Amino acid sequence: MSEWPADSVGLVQPQQRHFDTPLMLACGIELPSYELVYECYGALNAERSNAILICHALSSDHHVAGYYEGESKPGWWEVYVGPGKAFDTNRFYIICANNIGGCSGSTGPTSQKPDGSEPYGPDFPPVRVRDWVHCQQQLMDVLGIEQWAAVVGSSLGGMQVLRWALEYPEAMRHGIVLASAMKLTAQNIAFNEIARRAITADPDFTNGRYLERGTMPNKGLAIARMIGHLTYMSDDLMALKFGRDLYEGSFERGQATDVRFQVESYLRHQGDKFADSFDANSYLLLTRALDYFDLAREYNDDPMQAFKRAQAEFLVVSFSSDWRFAPARSREMVRAMLGAGRRVSYAEINAPQGHDAFLLPVPRFDAVLRGYLQRVAAGARA
């Protein structure tokens, strides 16, 4: 694209920061050094009080908004981040870092080991949500930011917001938690395990050493993505979008055809596209981090006790048709926050799009974000 929409941040470039300081991970293994890739939009004010950290979800990355040279697809939250949008880059300095353990530039399974011998592959150590928060805090220091105006995240990103509130309570004024939970349900863990089994059962997975052997477990990864993508949509949305419409073939008597429904074609396309761009070992790592997150585990399983450490104000948002991170999970979170004496705003948005509603242009959601961010902006000017 040569011209950008007026409400876009336009052409952007990722930045990279190398950290020589060893990082002790929650699993007890130390990374001797690591890289973080991140993007920034807007400008930091003189008081350095208008910075917002966006924490990305499972399969997203640092490319939140704007366009890369030669590409027509914008960042994954383009609909809400940009000049005049809910996250107004005329008012806020927006930062998003790619999580370690992923495959979009930050240190992960596809990165070379420190001795340069080979990629980490399956030898990359397990990561937890708190590890990402610690890395983000290191980046915060490098950028000279003492306190975030807000930390924002949806789904797995929302779990990072919650962890920020407990690990660095003085470092954020507001926490915005979207379509998330304090821990996964057994059903959620089960879906993640089925997806992981699809990957590890692929003959080309070769115990995670496919990069060394020149193979790629694309079939297994595609199926894993199909499973995940299915859970992000609601039944109503799928009925509206696909119904039982046929993509090709027919039921004509005597004709041997491969009858394929539109929904099949859609899921196959999503799976194949994902398998071409994501790393299987990263997918295993990230889903495990999602499974193991439990905010209150260290607080005698009492989330109210956990939130007594927090100092931030919160906005919690859920979506009516999201069965993967149901509104009931958000209401549990809100009750614990209120019980701990935190100031909380809660909105349950009536939206048919399922878990992915936070990615899409939902007018009521946009209005809620804009209203709350007026408060965040007022605090940044104070």
Protein backbone atom coordinates (compact mmCIF):
# COMPACT_ATOMS: atom_id res chain seq x y z
CA MET A 1 0.00 0.00 0.00
CA SER A 2 1.21 3.48 -0.84
CA GLU A 3 -1.52 5.34 1.06
CA TRP A 4 -2.79 4.55 4.51
CA PRO A 5 -6.21 5.24 6.01
CA ALA A 6 -6.29 8.53 7.91
CA ASP A 7 -6.94 6.72 11.19
CA SER A 8 -4.02 4.31 10.81
CA VAL A 9 -0.54 4.69 12.29
CA GLY A 10 0.64 3.92 8.75
CA LEU A 11 3.97 2.32 7.94
CA VAL A 12 5.63 0.69 10.96
CA GLN A 13 8.80 -1.24 11.66
CA PRO A 14 9.48 -3.65 14.52
CA GLN A 15 12.33 -2.90 16.89
CA GLN A 16 14.63 -5.38 18.57
CA ARG A 17 16.33 -5.24 21.94
CA HIS A 18 19.02 -7.62 23.15
CA PHE A 19 19.27 -8.36 26.87
CA ASP A 20 22.55 -9.75 28.17
CA THR A 21 21.25 -9.98 31.72
CA PRO A 22 20.37 -13.63 32.46
CA LEU A 23 16.68 -14.31 32.89
CA MET A 24 15.70 -16.83 35.55
CA LEU A 25 12.51 -18.46 34.36
CA ALA A 26 9.73 -19.67 36.64
CA CYS A 27 10.68 -23.28 35.79
CA GLY A 28 14.10 -22.73 37.42
CA ILE A 29 16.09 -22.69 34.17
CA GLU A 30 18.11 -19.61 33.28
CA LEU A 31 18.23 -18.01 29.84
CA PRO A 32 21.73 -16.50 29.59
CA SER A 33 20.47 -13.81 27.21
CA TYR A 34 17.41 -13.11 25.09
CA GLU A 35 15.95 -10.90 22.39
CA LEU A 36 12.67 -9.01 22.50
CA VAL A 37 10.97 -7.73 19.36
CA TYR A 38 8.42 -4.98 19.86
CA GLU A 39 6.55 -2.14 18.15
CA CYS A 40 5.66 1.35 19.36
CA TYR A 41 3.00 3.79 18.16
CA GLY A 42 2.37 7.40 19.12
CA ALA A 43 4.73 9.51 21.22
CA LEU A 44 5.81 9.44 24.85
CA ASN A 45 4.87 12.69 26.58
CA ALA A 46 7.33 14.82 28.55
CA GLU A 47 6.15 13.34 31.85
CA ARG A 48 6.42 9.78 30.47
CA SER A 49 2.97 9.15 31.88
CA ASN A 50 0.98 8.16 28.77
CA ALA A 51 2.51 4.76 27.95
CA ILE A 52 0.18 1.80 27.46
CA LEU A 53 1.43 -1.79 27.24
CA ILE A 54 -0.61 -4.17 25.11
CA CYS A 55 -0.08 -7.86 25.89
CA HIS A 56 -0.87 -10.13 22.96
CA ALA A 57 -2.82 -13.37 22.99
CA LEU A 58 -1.72 -16.92 22.18
CA SER A 59 -1.06 -16.81 18.44
CA SER A 60 -0.74 -13.03 18.02
CA ASP A 61 2.46 -11.03 18.15
CA HIS A 62 3.88 -7.52 18.51
CA HIS A 63 2.36 -6.26 15.23
CA VAL A 64 -0.70 -4.60 16.73
CA ALA A 65 -1.38 -1.78 14.26
CA GLY A 66 -0.20 -0.19 11.03
CA TYR A 67 1.31 -1.79 7.95
CA TYR A 68 4.62 -3.33 6.94
CA GLU A 69 6.27 -2.25 3.71
CA GLY A 70 4.85 -4.21 0.80
CA GLU A 71 2.00 -5.76 2.80
CA SER A 72 -1.68 -4.89 2.65
CA LYS A 73 -2.77 -6.61 5.87
CA PRO A 74 -2.57 -4.38 8.97
CA GLY A 75 -1.75 -5.35 12.56
CA TRP A 76 -4.15 -7.60 14.45
CA TRP A 77 -5.80 -4.76 16.47
CA GLU A 78 -5.88 -2.12 13.76
CA VAL A 79 -9.59 -1.61 14.38
CA TYR A 80 -8.92 -0.22 17.88
CA VAL A 81 -5.39 1.26 17.78
CA GLY A 82 -4.57 4.41 15.83
CA PRO A 83 -5.23 8.17 15.61
CA GLY A 84 -8.70 8.92 16.90
CA LYS A 85 -9.47 5.28 17.70
CA ALA A 86 -10.19 3.85 21.14
CA PHE A 87 -6.45 3.52 21.84
CA ASP A 88 -5.76 6.94 20.42
CA THR A 89 -2.12 7.26 19.36
CA ASN A 90 -2.54 11.05 19.44
CA ARG A 91 -2.88 10.70 23.22
CA PHE A 92 -1.09 7.47 24.14
CA TYR A 93 2.29 5.85 23.53
CA ILE A 94 1.44 2.24 22.71
CA ILE A 95 3.92 -0.62 23.09
CA CYS A 96 3.57 -4.34 22.40
CA ALA A 97 6.39 -6.89 22.77
CA ASN A 98 6.46 -10.36 21.27
CA ASN A 99 6.54 -12.96 24.05
CA ILE A 100 9.61 -15.14 24.46
CA GLY A 101 8.91 -18.74 23.53
CA GLY A 102 7.01 -17.60 20.45
CA CYS A 103 8.21 -17.53 16.87
CA SER A 104 7.88 -13.90 15.75
CA GLY A 105 11.35 -12.59 16.53
CA SER A 106 11.75 -12.79 20.30
CA THR A 107 13.87 -15.64 21.62
CA GLY A 108 12.07 -18.96 21.27
CA PRO A 109 12.38 -22.52 19.93
CA THR A 110 13.34 -21.33 16.43
CA SER A 111 16.19 -19.17 17.80
CA GLN A 112 19.78 -20.34 17.81
CA LYS A 113 21.17 -21.59 21.08
CA PRO A 114 23.69 -19.23 22.73
CA ASP A 115 26.60 -21.25 21.35
CA GLY A 116 25.17 -20.88 17.84
CA SER A 117 25.19 -24.64 17.28
CA GLU A 118 21.53 -25.24 16.38
CA PRO A 119 18.01 -23.97 17.09
CA TYR A 120 16.64 -24.55 20.59
CA GLY A 121 13.76 -26.61 19.20
CA PRO A 122 12.25 -28.82 21.92
CA ASP A 123 15.11 -27.86 24.28
CA PHE A 124 13.70 -24.39 24.83
CA PRO A 125 12.69 -24.27 28.50
CA PRO A 126 9.04 -24.07 29.61
CA VAL A 127 7.74 -20.53 30.03
CA ARG A 128 5.05 -19.10 32.25
CA VAL A 129 3.01 -15.91 32.10
CA ARG A 130 5.16 -14.35 34.81
CA ASP A 131 8.23 -14.80 32.61
CA TRP A 132 6.66 -12.62 29.92
CA VAL A 133 5.78 -10.00 32.51
CA HIS A 134 9.36 -9.93 33.79
CA CYS A 135 10.65 -9.46 30.23
CA GLN A 136 8.17 -6.65 29.64
CA GLN A 137 9.33 -4.99 32.85
CA GLN A 138 12.93 -5.14 31.61
CA LEU A 139 11.85 -3.45 28.39
CA MET A 140 9.96 -0.87 30.42
CA ASP A 141 13.17 0.04 32.25
CA VAL A 142 15.13 0.34 29.00
CA LEU A 143 12.49 2.68 27.58
CA GLY A 144 12.62 4.86 30.69
CA ILE A 145 9.00 4.33 31.71
CA GLU A 146 8.35 4.23 35.46
CA GLN A 147 4.64 3.48 35.37
CA TRP A 148 2.22 2.30 32.71
CA ALA A 149 -0.88 4.40 32.26
CA ALA A 150 -2.52 1.05 31.53
CA VAL A 151 -1.66 -2.56 30.79
CA VAL A 152 -4.11 -4.14 28.37
CA GLY A 153 -4.65 -7.70 27.21
CA SER A 154 -7.23 -10.13 25.92
CA SER A 155 -7.40 -13.89 26.49
CA LEU A 156 -3.83 -14.98 27.33
CA GLY A 157 -2.90 -11.30 27.19
CA GLY A 158 -5.47 -10.62 29.92
CA MET A 159 -3.69 -13.12 32.15
CA GLN A 160 -0.53 -11.06 31.69
CA VAL A 161 -2.41 -7.98 32.87
CA LEU A 162 -3.46 -9.83 36.02
CA ARG A 163 0.09 -11.01 36.63
CA TRP A 164 1.37 -7.43 36.19
CA ALA A 165 -1.04 -6.32 38.90
CA LEU A 166 0.52 -8.75 41.39
CA GLU A 167 4.19 -8.77 40.34
CA TYR A 168 4.62 -5.01 39.86
CA PRO A 169 1.60 -3.40 41.57
CA GLU A 170 3.08 0.11 41.60
CA ALA A 171 4.03 -0.02 37.92
CA MET A 172 0.51 0.25 36.42
CA ARG A 173 -2.35 2.66 37.07
CA HIS A 174 -5.02 0.77 35.16
CA GLY A 175 -5.48 -2.85 34.10
CA ILE A 176 -7.79 -3.64 31.17
CA VAL A 177 -8.70 -7.34 31.06
CA LEU A 178 -10.66 -8.54 28.02
CA ALA A 179 -12.24 -11.97 27.47
CA SER A 180 -9.96 -13.65 29.98
CA ALA A 181 -9.94 -15.63 33.23
CA MET A 182 -7.97 -16.16 36.43
CA LYS A 183 -7.35 -19.77 35.35
CA LEU A 184 -8.52 -22.16 32.65
CA THR A 185 -11.39 -24.57 33.08
CA ALA A 186 -10.82 -28.30 32.64
CA GLN A 187 -12.64 -28.08 29.30
CA ASN A 188 -10.20 -25.44 28.07
CA ILE A 189 -7.21 -27.52 29.13
CA ALA A 190 -8.73 -30.52 27.35
CA PHE A 191 -9.05 -28.62 24.06
CA ASN A 192 -5.42 -27.52 24.34
CA GLU A 193 -4.27 -31.07 24.99
CA ILE A 194 -6.14 -32.39 21.94
CA ALA A 195 -4.45 -29.72 19.84
CA ARG A 196 -1.03 -30.64 21.23
CA ARG A 197 -1.65 -34.33 20.52
CA ALA A 198 -2.48 -33.48 16.92
CA ILE A 199 0.96 -31.89 16.61
CA THR A 200 3.00 -34.55 18.39
CA ALA A 201 1.23 -37.36 16.50
CA ASP A 202 2.33 -35.93 13.16
CA PRO A 203 5.15 -38.21 11.88
CA ASP A 204 7.06 -35.12 10.77
CA PHE A 205 7.17 -33.79 14.33
CA THR A 206 10.15 -36.11 15.04
CA ASN A 207 10.08 -35.42 18.79
CA GLY A 208 10.28 -31.70 18.14
CA ARG A 209 13.53 -31.88 16.15
CA TYR A 210 11.96 -31.17 12.78
CA LEU A 211 14.14 -28.09 12.12
CA GLU A 212 17.28 -30.19 12.45
CA ARG A 213 15.88 -32.89 10.17
CA GLY A 214 14.33 -30.65 7.53
CA THR A 215 10.74 -31.71 8.17
CA MET A 216 7.72 -29.68 9.28
CA PRO A 217 4.68 -31.06 11.16
CA ASN A 218 2.31 -28.89 9.13
CA LYS A 219 -0.55 -31.39 9.09
CA GLY A 220 -0.62 -31.69 12.87
CA LEU A 221 -0.21 -27.95 13.38
CA ALA A 222 -3.02 -27.24 10.92
CA ILE A 223 -5.37 -29.57 12.80
CA ALA A 224 -4.36 -27.94 16.10
CA ARG A 225 -5.25 -24.56 14.67
CA MET A 226 -8.56 -25.84 13.35
CA ILE A 227 -9.45 -27.08 16.83
CA GLY A 228 -8.46 -23.79 18.41
CA HIS A 229 -10.17 -21.65 15.80
CA LEU A 230 -13.38 -23.62 16.20
CA THR A 231 -13.49 -22.79 19.91
CA TYR A 232 -13.03 -19.07 19.26
CA MET A 233 -16.30 -18.82 17.31
CA SER A 234 -19.84 -19.14 18.62
CA ASP A 235 -22.47 -21.51 17.29
CA ASP A 236 -24.62 -18.54 16.25
CA LEU A 237 -21.78 -16.97 14.30
CA MET A 238 -20.99 -20.23 12.50
CA ALA A 239 -24.64 -20.70 11.61
CA LEU A 240 -24.83 -17.16 10.27
CA LYS A 241 -21.52 -17.31 8.42
CA PHE A 242 -21.65 -20.85 7.02
CA GLY A 243 -24.87 -22.66 7.86
CA ARG A 244 -24.90 -25.92 5.92
CA ASP A 245 -23.86 -24.29 2.67
CA LEU A 246 -21.88 -26.49 0.32
CA TYR A 247 -18.55 -25.35 -1.02
CA GLU A 248 -18.41 -27.85 -3.85
CA GLY A 249 -19.95 -31.16 -4.88
CA SER A 250 -23.54 -32.33 -4.70
CA PHE A 251 -25.78 -35.18 -3.62
CA GLU A 252 -26.76 -36.10 -7.16
CA ARG A 253 -27.61 -39.79 -7.39
CA GLY A 254 -24.87 -41.89 -8.87
CA GLN A 255 -22.29 -39.13 -8.84
CA ALA A 256 -19.22 -39.83 -6.70
CA THR A 257 -18.27 -36.38 -5.46
CA ASP A 258 -16.41 -35.09 -2.44
CA VAL A 259 -19.12 -32.99 -0.81
CA ARG A 260 -17.49 -30.26 1.22
CA PHE A 261 -19.26 -27.72 3.36
CA GLN A 262 -18.23 -24.08 3.48
CA VAL A 263 -17.25 -24.44 7.14
CA GLU A 264 -14.86 -27.28 6.23
CA SER A 265 -13.20 -25.18 3.57
CA TYR A 266 -12.86 -22.25 5.97
CA LEU A 267 -11.28 -24.33 8.74
CA ARG A 268 -8.88 -26.05 6.34
CA HIS A 269 -7.79 -22.68 4.98
CA GLN A 270 -7.23 -21.28 8.47
CA GLY A 271 -5.28 -24.35 9.53
CA ASP A 272 -3.04 -24.42 6.48
CA LYS A 273 -2.34 -20.69 6.66
CA PHE A 274 -1.40 -20.94 10.33
CA ALA A 275 0.86 -23.97 9.76
CA ASP A 276 2.80 -22.00 7.16
CA SER A 277 3.56 -19.15 9.58
CA PHE A 278 3.79 -20.58 13.11
CA ASP A 279 6.18 -22.93 14.88
CA ALA A 280 4.91 -26.19 16.36
CA ASN A 281 7.24 -26.18 19.39
CA SER A 282 6.14 -22.62 20.15
CA TYR A 283 2.50 -23.69 20.01
CA LEU A 284 3.19 -26.45 22.52
CA LEU A 285 5.00 -24.04 24.85
CA LEU A 286 2.39 -21.31 24.68
CA THR A 287 -0.60 -23.56 25.25
CA ARG A 288 1.16 -25.07 28.27
CA ALA A 289 1.74 -21.58 29.68
CA LEU A 290 -1.96 -20.92 29.19
CA ASP A 291 -2.90 -24.16 30.96
CA TYR A 292 -0.64 -23.61 33.97
CA PHE A 293 -1.69 -20.04 34.70
CA ASP A 294 -3.51 -19.86 38.02
CA LEU A 295 -3.53 -16.40 39.58
CA ALA A 296 -4.44 -17.53 43.11
CA ARG A 297 -2.31 -20.67 43.36
CA GLU A 298 0.22 -18.92 45.62
CA TYR A 299 -2.52 -17.28 47.69
CA ASN A 300 -4.19 -20.38 49.13
CA ASP A 301 -6.44 -20.49 46.06
CA ASP A 302 -8.09 -17.29 47.27
CA PRO A 303 -8.23 -14.75 44.42
CA MET A 304 -9.50 -12.04 46.77
CA GLN A 305 -6.31 -12.43 48.77
CA ALA A 306 -4.29 -12.23 45.56
CA PHE A 307 -5.91 -8.98 44.46
CA LYS A 308 -5.10 -7.34 47.78
CA ARG A 309 -1.59 -6.95 46.35
CA ALA A 310 -2.90 -4.96 43.40
CA GLN A 311 -3.07 -1.16 43.37
CA ALA A 312 -4.49 -0.52 39.91
CA GLU A 313 -8.02 0.29 38.83
CA PHE A 314 -9.53 -2.27 36.47
CA LEU A 315 -11.80 -2.56 33.47
CA VAL A 316 -13.02 -6.12 32.87
CA VAL A 317 -14.93 -6.96 29.68
CA SER A 318 -16.58 -10.21 28.63
CA PHE A 319 -18.65 -11.20 25.59
CA SER A 320 -22.00 -12.93 25.81
CA SER A 321 -21.27 -15.64 23.20
CA ASP A 322 -17.73 -16.41 24.35
CA TRP A 323 -17.93 -19.96 25.67
CA ARG A 324 -14.16 -20.46 25.79
CA PHE A 325 -13.73 -17.59 28.30
CA ALA A 326 -17.32 -17.29 29.45
CA PRO A 327 -18.70 -14.17 31.18
CA ALA A 328 -19.01 -16.22 34.38
CA ARG A 329 -15.21 -16.32 34.58
CA SER A 330 -15.04 -12.53 34.30
CA ARG A 331 -17.71 -12.09 36.95
CA GLU A 332 -15.68 -14.30 39.31
CA MET A 333 -12.71 -12.04 38.66
CA VAL A 334 -14.73 -8.89 39.33
CA ARG A 335 -16.11 -10.26 42.62
CA ALA A 336 -12.58 -11.06 43.80
CA MET A 337 -11.34 -7.59 42.82
CA LEU A 338 -14.23 -5.89 44.62
CA GLY A 339 -13.72 -8.09 47.67
CA ALA A 340 -10.11 -6.96 47.76
CA GLY A 341 -11.16 -3.32 47.72
CA ARG A 342 -10.15 -2.60 44.13
CA ARG A 343 -12.02 -0.12 41.95
CA VAL A 344 -13.51 -2.07 39.04
CA SER A 345 -15.65 -1.33 35.98
CA TYR A 346 -17.31 -4.31 34.31
CA ALA A 347 -19.07 -4.66 30.97
CA GLU A 348 -20.63 -7.76 29.47
CA ILE A 349 -20.98 -7.07 25.75
CA ASN A 350 -23.83 -8.67 23.83
CA ALA A 351 -22.01 -9.89 20.74
CA PRO A 352 -22.52 -12.99 18.56
CA GLN A 353 -18.89 -13.37 17.44
CA GLY A 354 -17.68 -15.61 20.28
CA HIS A 355 -14.23 -15.31 21.83
CA ASP A 356 -12.86 -13.46 18.80
CA ALA A 357 -15.27 -10.55 19.39
CA PHE A 358 -12.47 -8.50 20.96
CA LEU A 359 -10.68 -8.49 17.58
CA LEU A 360 -13.69 -7.28 15.59
CA PRO A 361 -15.52 -3.96 15.21
CA VAL A 362 -18.20 -4.24 17.89
CA PRO A 363 -19.74 -0.78 18.50
CA ARG A 364 -20.67 -1.35 22.15
CA PHE A 365 -17.18 -2.67 22.91
CA ASP A 366 -15.63 0.33 21.17
CA ALA A 367 -17.79 2.69 23.25
CA VAL A 368 -16.80 0.96 26.51
CA LEU A 369 -13.10 1.18 25.65
CA ARG A 370 -13.34 4.84 24.66
CA GLY A 371 -15.21 5.73 27.84
CA TYR A 372 -12.73 4.01 30.11
CA LEU A 373 -9.68 5.31 28.25
CA GLN A 374 -10.93 8.86 28.83
CA ARG A 375 -10.24 8.16 32.50
CA VAL A 376 -6.83 6.70 31.68
CA ALA A 377 -5.95 9.76 29.58
CA ALA A 378 -7.05 12.14 32.36
CA GLY A 379 -4.66 10.38 34.73
CA ALA A 380 -1.85 10.64 32.19
CA ARG A 381 -2.31 14.43 32.03
CA ALA A 382 -2.42 14.90 35.79
